[in-house]
All heavy atoms as atom14 arrays in JSON, in Angstrom:
{
  "sequence": "TENSAFWNTHEGVLSEVSDQVNDTYLKANGQSDG",
  "atom14_mask": [
    [1, 1, 1, 1, 1, 1, 1, 0, 0, 0, 0, 0, 0, 0],
    [1, 1, 1, 1, 1, 1, 1, 1, 1, 0, 0, 0, 0, 0],
    [1, 1, 1, 1, 1, 1, 1, 1, 0, 0, 0, 0, 0, 0],
    [1, 1, 1, 1, 1, 1, 0, 0, 0, 0, 0, 0, 0, 0],
    [1, 1, 1, 1, 1, 0, 0, 0, 0, 0, 0, 0, 0, 0],
    [1, 1, 1, 1, 1, 1, 1, 1, 1, 1, 1, 0, 0, 0],
    [1, 1, 1, 1, 1, 1, 1, 1, 1, 1, 1, 1, 1, 1],
    [1, 1, 1, 1, 1, 1, 1, 1, 0, 0, 0, 0, 0, 0],
    [1, 1, 1, 1, 1, 1, 1, 0, 0, 0, 0, 0, 0, 0],
    [1, 1, 1, 1, 1, 1, 1, 1, 1, 1, 0, 0, 0, 0],
    [1, 1, 1, 1, 1, 1, 1, 1, 1, 0, 0, 0, 0, 0],
    [1, 1, 1, 1, 0, 0, 0, 0, 0, 0, 0, 0, 0, 0],
    [1, 1, 1, 1, 1, 1, 1, 0, 0, 0, 0, 0, 0, 0],
    [1, 1, 1, 1, 1, 1, 1, 1, 0, 0, 0, 0, 0, 0],
    [1, 1, 1, 1, 1, 1, 0, 0, 0, 0, 0, 0, 0, 0],
    [1, 1, 1, 1, 1, 1, 1, 1, 1, 0, 0, 0, 0, 0],
    [1, 1, 1, 1, 1, 1, 1, 0, 0, 0, 0, 0, 0, 0],
    [1, 1, 1, 1, 1, 1, 0, 0, 0, 0, 0, 0, 0, 0],
    [1, 1, 1, 1, 1, 1, 1, 1, 0, 0, 0, 0, 0, 0],
    [1, 1, 1, 1, 1, 1, 1, 1, 1, 0, 0, 0, 0, 0],
    [1, 1, 1, 1, 1, 1, 1, 0, 0, 0, 0, 0, 0, 0],
    [1, 1, 1, 1, 1, 1, 1, 1, 0, 0, 0, 0, 0, 0],
    [1, 1, 1, 1, 1, 1, 1, 1, 0, 0, 0, 0, 0, 0],
    [1, 1, 1, 1, 1, 1, 1, 0, 0, 0, 0, 0, 0, 0],
    [1, 1, 1, 1, 1, 1, 1, 1, 1, 1, 1, 1, 0, 0],
    [1, 1, 1, 1, 1, 1, 1, 1, 0, 0, 0, 0, 0, 0],
    [1, 1, 1, 1, 1, 1, 1, 1, 1, 0, 0, 0, 0, 0],
    [1, 1, 1, 1, 1, 0, 0, 0, 0, 0, 0, 0, 0, 0],
    [1, 1, 1, 1, 1, 1, 1, 1, 0, 0, 0, 0, 0, 0],
    [1, 1, 1, 1, 0, 0, 0, 0, 0, 0, 0, 0, 0, 0],
    [1, 1, 1, 1, 1, 1, 1, 1, 1, 0, 0, 0, 0, 0],
    [1, 1, 1, 1, 1, 1, 0, 0, 0, 0, 0, 0, 0, 0],
    [1, 1, 1, 1, 1, 1, 1, 1, 0, 0, 0, 0, 0, 0],
    [1, 1, 1, 1, 0, 0, 0, 0, 0, 0, 0, 0, 0, 0]
  ],
  "atom14_positions": [
    [[-22.43, 24.47, 18.06], [-21.44, 24.01, 19.02], [-22.02, 22.94, 19.9], [-21.38, 21.91, 20.16], [-20.97, 25.19, 19.95], [-20.39, 26.22, 19.12], [-19.97, 24.71, 20.95], [0.0, 0.0, 0.0], [0.0, 0.0, 0.0], [0.0, 0.0, 0.0], [0.0, 0.0, 0.0], [0.0, 0.0, 0.0], [0.0, 0.0, 0.0], [0.0, 0.0, 0.0]],
    [[-23.28, 23.09, 20.34], [-23.94, 22.08, 21.18], [-24.12, 20.78, 20.37], [-23.93, 19.68, 20.89], [-25.3, 22.59, 21.62], [-26.13, 21.63, 22.43], [-25.55, 21.43, 23.85], [-24.7, 22.24, 24.24], [-25.96, 20.47, 24.51], [0.0, 0.0, 0.0], [0.0, 0.0, 0.0], [0.0, 0.0, 0.0], [0.0, 0.0, 0.0], [0.0, 0.0, 0.0]],
    [[-24.47, 20.92, 19.13], [-24.67, 19.75, 18.27], [-23.39, 18.96, 18.08], [-23.37, 17.73, 18.17], [-25.26, 20.16, 16.92], [-25.57, 18.99, 16.01], [-26.47, 18.21, 16.32], [-24.85, 18.83, 14.95], [0.0, 0.0, 0.0], [0.0, 0.0, 0.0], [0.0, 0.0, 0.0], [0.0, 0.0, 0.0], [0.0, 0.0, 0.0], [0.0, 0.0, 0.0]],
    [[-22.29, 19.67, 17.82], [-21.0, 19.01, 17.64], [-20.59, 18.31, 18.92], [-20.05, 17.18, 18.92], [-19.93, 20.04, 17.29], [-20.2, 20.63, 16.02], [0.0, 0.0, 0.0], [0.0, 0.0, 0.0], [0.0, 0.0, 0.0], [0.0, 0.0, 0.0], [0.0, 0.0, 0.0], [0.0, 0.0, 0.0], [0.0, 0.0, 0.0], [0.0, 0.0, 0.0]],
    [[-20.78, 18.95, 20.09], [-20.42, 18.37, 21.36], [-21.24, 17.08, 21.61], [-20.7, 16.09, 22.11], [-20.63, 19.37, 22.5], [0.0, 0.0, 0.0], [0.0, 0.0, 0.0], [0.0, 0.0, 0.0], [0.0, 0.0, 0.0], [0.0, 0.0, 0.0], [0.0, 0.0, 0.0], [0.0, 0.0, 0.0], [0.0, 0.0, 0.0], [0.0, 0.0, 0.0]],
    [[-22.51, 17.14, 21.23], [-23.35, 15.93, 21.47], [-22.85, 14.74, 20.65], [-22.69, 13.64, 21.23], [-24.81, 16.27, 21.03], [-25.7, 15.08, 21.07], [-26.27, 14.67, 22.25], [-25.98, 14.34, 19.92], [-27.11, 13.55, 22.31], [-26.84, 13.22, 19.94], [-27.37, 12.84, 21.14], [0.0, 0.0, 0.0], [0.0, 0.0, 0.0], [0.0, 0.0, 0.0]],
    [[-22.61, 14.92, 19.37], [-22.2, 13.79, 18.54], [-20.78, 13.37, 18.86], [-20.45, 12.18, 18.76], [-22.36, 14.14, 17.08], [-23.78, 14.31, 16.64], [-24.42, 15.47, 16.3], [-24.8, 13.3, 16.62], [-25.73, 15.24, 16.02], [-25.99, 13.91, 16.2], [-24.79, 11.91, 16.9], [-27.21, 13.21, 16.05], [-25.99, 11.22, 16.78], [-27.15, 11.87, 16.36]],
    [[-19.92, 14.33, 19.26], [-18.53, 13.94, 19.61], [-18.52, 13.0, 20.82], [-17.63, 12.09, 20.91], [-17.73, 15.22, 19.94], [-17.37, 15.97, 18.71], [-17.39, 15.47, 17.6], [-17.06, 17.29, 18.84], [0.0, 0.0, 0.0], [0.0, 0.0, 0.0], [0.0, 0.0, 0.0], [0.0, 0.0, 0.0], [0.0, 0.0, 0.0], [0.0, 0.0, 0.0]],
    [[-19.47, 13.16, 21.75], [-19.47, 12.3, 22.94], [-19.96, 10.89, 22.58], [-19.8, 10.0, 23.42], [-20.39, 12.88, 24.03], [-21.73, 13.02, 23.51], [-19.89, 14.23, 24.48], [0.0, 0.0, 0.0], [0.0, 0.0, 0.0], [0.0, 0.0, 0.0], [0.0, 0.0, 0.0], [0.0, 0.0, 0.0], [0.0, 0.0, 0.0], [0.0, 0.0, 0.0]],
    [[-20.52, 10.72, 21.4], [-21.04, 9.41, 21.04], [-20.21, 8.74, 19.93], [-20.63, 7.7, 19.4], [-22.5, 9.52, 20.6], [-23.42, 9.91, 21.71], [-23.74, 11.24, 21.97], [-24.08, 9.19, 22.66], [-24.59, 11.3, 22.99], [-24.78, 10.07, 23.42], [0.0, 0.0, 0.0], [0.0, 0.0, 0.0], [0.0, 0.0, 0.0], [0.0, 0.0, 0.0]],
    [[-19.15, 9.37, 19.56], [-18.24, 8.74, 18.53], [-17.54, 7.56, 19.09], [-17.2, 7.48, 20.25], [-17.25, 9.77, 18.03], [-17.82, 10.76, 17.06], [-16.72, 11.66, 16.5], [-15.58, 11.56, 16.97], [-17.03, 12.46, 15.59], [0.0, 0.0, 0.0], [0.0, 0.0, 0.0], [0.0, 0.0, 0.0], [0.0, 0.0, 0.0], [0.0, 0.0, 0.0]],
    [[-17.36, 6.54, 18.2], [-16.63, 5.33, 18.62], [-16.78, 4.23, 17.58], [-17.15, 4.51, 16.46], [0.0, 0.0, 0.0], [0.0, 0.0, 0.0], [0.0, 0.0, 0.0], [0.0, 0.0, 0.0], [0.0, 0.0, 0.0], [0.0, 0.0, 0.0], [0.0, 0.0, 0.0], [0.0, 0.0, 0.0], [0.0, 0.0, 0.0], [0.0, 0.0, 0.0]],
    [[-16.44, 3.05, 17.99], [-16.5, 1.89, 17.08], [-17.88, 1.7, 16.51], [-18.07, 1.44, 15.32], [-16.0, 0.61, 17.79], [-16.16, -0.57, 16.84], [-14.52, 0.78, 18.19], [0.0, 0.0, 0.0], [0.0, 0.0, 0.0], [0.0, 0.0, 0.0], [0.0, 0.0, 0.0], [0.0, 0.0, 0.0], [0.0, 0.0, 0.0], [0.0, 0.0, 0.0]],
    [[-18.91, 1.82, 17.39], [-20.27, 1.58, 16.94], [-20.71, 2.55, 15.83], [-21.35, 2.16, 14.86], [-21.23, 1.65, 18.11], [-21.26, 0.46, 19.08], [-22.24, 0.72, 20.22], [-21.65, -0.8, 18.34], [0.0, 0.0, 0.0], [0.0, 0.0, 0.0], [0.0, 0.0, 0.0], [0.0, 0.0, 0.0], [0.0, 0.0, 0.0], [0.0, 0.0, 0.0]],
    [[-20.35, 3.84, 16.0], [-20.73, 4.82, 15.0], [-20.0, 4.54, 13.7], [-20.58, 4.74, 12.6], [-20.42, 6.22, 15.5], [-19.02, 6.38, 15.76], [0.0, 0.0, 0.0], [0.0, 0.0, 0.0], [0.0, 0.0, 0.0], [0.0, 0.0, 0.0], [0.0, 0.0, 0.0], [0.0, 0.0, 0.0], [0.0, 0.0, 0.0], [0.0, 0.0, 0.0]],
    [[-18.73, 4.11, 13.75], [-18.01, 3.82, 12.54], [-18.57, 2.59, 11.82], [-18.75, 2.61, 10.63], [-16.56, 3.53, 12.89], [-15.8, 4.74, 13.39], [-14.36, 4.46, 13.81], [-13.93, 3.27, 13.61], [-13.69, 5.37, 14.32], [0.0, 0.0, 0.0], [0.0, 0.0, 0.0], [0.0, 0.0, 0.0], [0.0, 0.0, 0.0], [0.0, 0.0, 0.0]],
    [[-18.95, 1.57, 12.58], [-19.53, 0.36, 12.01], [-20.91, 0.75, 11.39], [-21.24, 0.28, 10.3], [-19.71, -0.77, 13.05], [-20.54, -1.88, 12.51], [-18.36, -1.25, 13.51], [0.0, 0.0, 0.0], [0.0, 0.0, 0.0], [0.0, 0.0, 0.0], [0.0, 0.0, 0.0], [0.0, 0.0, 0.0], [0.0, 0.0, 0.0], [0.0, 0.0, 0.0]],
    [[-21.7, 1.51, 12.12], [-22.99, 1.96, 11.63], [-22.89, 2.67, 10.32], [-23.66, 2.45, 9.39], [-23.72, 2.82, 12.68], [-24.9, 3.37, 12.18], [0.0, 0.0, 0.0], [0.0, 0.0, 0.0], [0.0, 0.0, 0.0], [0.0, 0.0, 0.0], [0.0, 0.0, 0.0], [0.0, 0.0, 0.0], [0.0, 0.0, 0.0], [0.0, 0.0, 0.0]],
    [[-21.9, 3.56, 10.23], [-21.72, 4.36, 9.01], [-21.36, 3.44, 7.81], [-21.87, 3.6, 6.73], [-20.59, 5.37, 9.25], [-20.46, 6.36, 8.1], [-21.44, 7.13, 7.89], [-19.45, 6.31, 7.41], [0.0, 0.0, 0.0], [0.0, 0.0, 0.0], [0.0, 0.0, 0.0], [0.0, 0.0, 0.0], [0.0, 0.0, 0.0], [0.0, 0.0, 0.0]],
    [[-20.52, 2.46, 8.11], [-20.12, 1.54, 7.04], [-21.27, 0.63, 6.6], [-21.48, 0.41, 5.42], [-18.96, 0.65, 7.5], [-18.36, -0.24, 6.43], [-17.88, 0.53, 5.26], [-17.08, 1.48, 5.41], [-18.3, 0.18, 4.04], [0.0, 0.0, 0.0], [0.0, 0.0, 0.0], [0.0, 0.0, 0.0], [0.0, 0.0, 0.0], [0.0, 0.0, 0.0]],
    [[-22.08, 0.19, 7.55], [-23.24, -0.63, 7.26], [-24.24, 0.13, 6.43], [-24.8, -0.36, 5.42], [-23.9, -1.19, 8.55], [-25.23, -1.81, 8.25], [-22.98, -2.2, 9.21], [0.0, 0.0, 0.0], [0.0, 0.0, 0.0], [0.0, 0.0, 0.0], [0.0, 0.0, 0.0], [0.0, 0.0, 0.0], [0.0, 0.0, 0.0], [0.0, 0.0, 0.0]],
    [[-24.5, 1.4, 6.81], [-25.45, 2.25, 6.11], [-24.94, 2.52, 4.68], [-25.73, 2.54, 3.73], [-25.62, 3.58, 6.86], [-26.81, 4.36, 6.36], [-27.77, 3.83, 5.78], [-26.75, 5.67, 6.5], [0.0, 0.0, 0.0], [0.0, 0.0, 0.0], [0.0, 0.0, 0.0], [0.0, 0.0, 0.0], [0.0, 0.0, 0.0], [0.0, 0.0, 0.0]],
    [[-23.66, 2.75, 4.56], [-23.05, 2.99, 3.22], [-23.22, 1.76, 2.35], [-23.65, 1.91, 1.16], [-21.56, 3.28, 3.43], [-20.86, 3.66, 2.1], [-21.17, 4.73, 1.58], [-20.09, 2.86, 1.59], [0.0, 0.0, 0.0], [0.0, 0.0, 0.0], [0.0, 0.0, 0.0], [0.0, 0.0, 0.0], [0.0, 0.0, 0.0], [0.0, 0.0, 0.0]],
    [[-22.99, 0.58, 2.91], [-23.13, -0.64, 2.1], [-24.61, -0.85, 1.74], [-24.95, -1.25, 0.61], [-22.63, -1.85, 2.9], [-21.26, -1.66, 3.25], [-22.77, -3.15, 2.12], [0.0, 0.0, 0.0], [0.0, 0.0, 0.0], [0.0, 0.0, 0.0], [0.0, 0.0, 0.0], [0.0, 0.0, 0.0], [0.0, 0.0, 0.0], [0.0, 0.0, 0.0]],
    [[-25.51, -0.63, 2.69], [-26.95, -0.79, 2.49], [-27.45, 0.12, 1.34], [-28.17, -0.37, 0.43], [-27.68, -0.48, 3.75], [-29.15, -0.32, 3.6], [-30.01, -1.44, 3.48], [-29.74, 0.96, 3.57], [-31.4, -1.23, 3.32], [-31.13, 1.13, 3.41], [-31.91, 0.02, 3.3], [-33.27, 0.2, 3.13], [0.0, 0.0, 0.0], [0.0, 0.0, 0.0]],
    [[-27.06, 1.4, 1.36], [-27.5, 2.31, 0.34], [-26.96, 1.94, -1.02], [-27.71, 2.0, -2.01], [-27.07, 3.75, 0.68], [-27.72, 4.36, 1.95], [-27.1, 5.67, 2.3], [-29.26, 4.5, 1.74], [0.0, 0.0, 0.0], [0.0, 0.0, 0.0], [0.0, 0.0, 0.0], [0.0, 0.0, 0.0], [0.0, 0.0, 0.0], [0.0, 0.0, 0.0]],
    [[-25.7, 1.54, -1.08], [-25.14, 1.13, -2.37], [-25.8, -0.12, -2.91], [-26.03, -0.24, -4.1], [-23.62, 0.91, -2.2], [-22.84, 2.18, -2.02], [-21.34, 1.94, -1.81], [-20.6, 3.26, -1.66], [-19.17, 3.02, -1.36], [0.0, 0.0, 0.0], [0.0, 0.0, 0.0], [0.0, 0.0, 0.0], [0.0, 0.0, 0.0], [0.0, 0.0, 0.0]],
    [[-26.13, -1.06, -2.04], [-26.8, -2.27, -2.44], [-28.22, -2.03, -3.01], [-28.76, -2.81, -3.79], [-26.92, -3.27, -1.27], [0.0, 0.0, 0.0], [0.0, 0.0, 0.0], [0.0, 0.0, 0.0], [0.0, 0.0, 0.0], [0.0, 0.0, 0.0], [0.0, 0.0, 0.0], [0.0, 0.0, 0.0], [0.0, 0.0, 0.0], [0.0, 0.0, 0.0]],
    [[-28.78, -0.9, -2.59], [-30.12, -0.52, -3.09], [-30.12, 0.54, -4.15], [-31.1, 1.27, -4.32], [-30.99, -0.05, -1.88], [-31.48, -1.21, -1.06], [-32.39, -1.92, -1.41], [-30.81, -1.44, 0.09], [0.0, 0.0, 0.0], [0.0, 0.0, 0.0], [0.0, 0.0, 0.0], [0.0, 0.0, 0.0], [0.0, 0.0, 0.0], [0.0, 0.0, 0.0]],
    [[-29.0, 0.64, -4.84], [-28.96, 1.5, -6.04], [-28.49, 2.89, -5.84], [-28.43, 3.69, -6.81], [0.0, 0.0, 0.0], [0.0, 0.0, 0.0], [0.0, 0.0, 0.0], [0.0, 0.0, 0.0], [0.0, 0.0, 0.0], [0.0, 0.0, 0.0], [0.0, 0.0, 0.0], [0.0, 0.0, 0.0], [0.0, 0.0, 0.0], [0.0, 0.0, 0.0]],
    [[-28.11, 3.33, -4.58], [-27.6, 4.64, -4.34], [-26.1, 4.54, -4.35], [-25.47, 4.32, -3.32], [-28.15, 5.24, -3.05], [-29.64, 5.4, -3.06], [-30.17, 6.17, -1.84], [-29.81, 7.32, -1.63], [-30.99, 5.53, -1.04], [0.0, 0.0, 0.0], [0.0, 0.0, 0.0], [0.0, 0.0, 0.0], [0.0, 0.0, 0.0], [0.0, 0.0, 0.0]],
    [[-25.51, 4.75, -5.52], [-24.09, 4.49, -5.72], [-23.17, 5.35, -4.85], [-22.03, 5.0, -4.57], [-23.72, 4.72, -7.17], [-24.05, 6.04, -7.61], [0.0, 0.0, 0.0], [0.0, 0.0, 0.0], [0.0, 0.0, 0.0], [0.0, 0.0, 0.0], [0.0, 0.0, 0.0], [0.0, 0.0, 0.0], [0.0, 0.0, 0.0], [0.0, 0.0, 0.0]],
    [[-23.7, 6.51, -4.4], [-22.89, 7.4, -3.56], [-22.86, 6.98, -2.09], [-22.15, 7.55, -1.28], [-23.37, 8.85, -3.66], [-23.13, 9.43, -5.02], [-22.02, 9.27, -5.53], [-24.08, 10.03, -5.57], [0.0, 0.0, 0.0], [0.0, 0.0, 0.0], [0.0, 0.0, 0.0], [0.0, 0.0, 0.0], [0.0, 0.0, 0.0], [0.0, 0.0, 0.0]],
    [[-23.64, 5.97, -1.72], [-23.7, 5.53, -0.35], [-24.11, 6.62, 0.57], [-25.01, 7.39, 0.33], [0.0, 0.0, 0.0], [0.0, 0.0, 0.0], [0.0, 0.0, 0.0], [0.0, 0.0, 0.0], [0.0, 0.0, 0.0], [0.0, 0.0, 0.0], [0.0, 0.0, 0.0], [0.0, 0.0, 0.0], [0.0, 0.0, 0.0], [0.0, 0.0, 0.0]]
  ]
}
């Protein structure tokens, strides 16, 4: 519960962009599942 509350307070545009960038980075380096 504490962990969920922590990450929920930091959700936003930056976290979404970060997730997309990381996904693209992993796929570009051969990890097809991102």
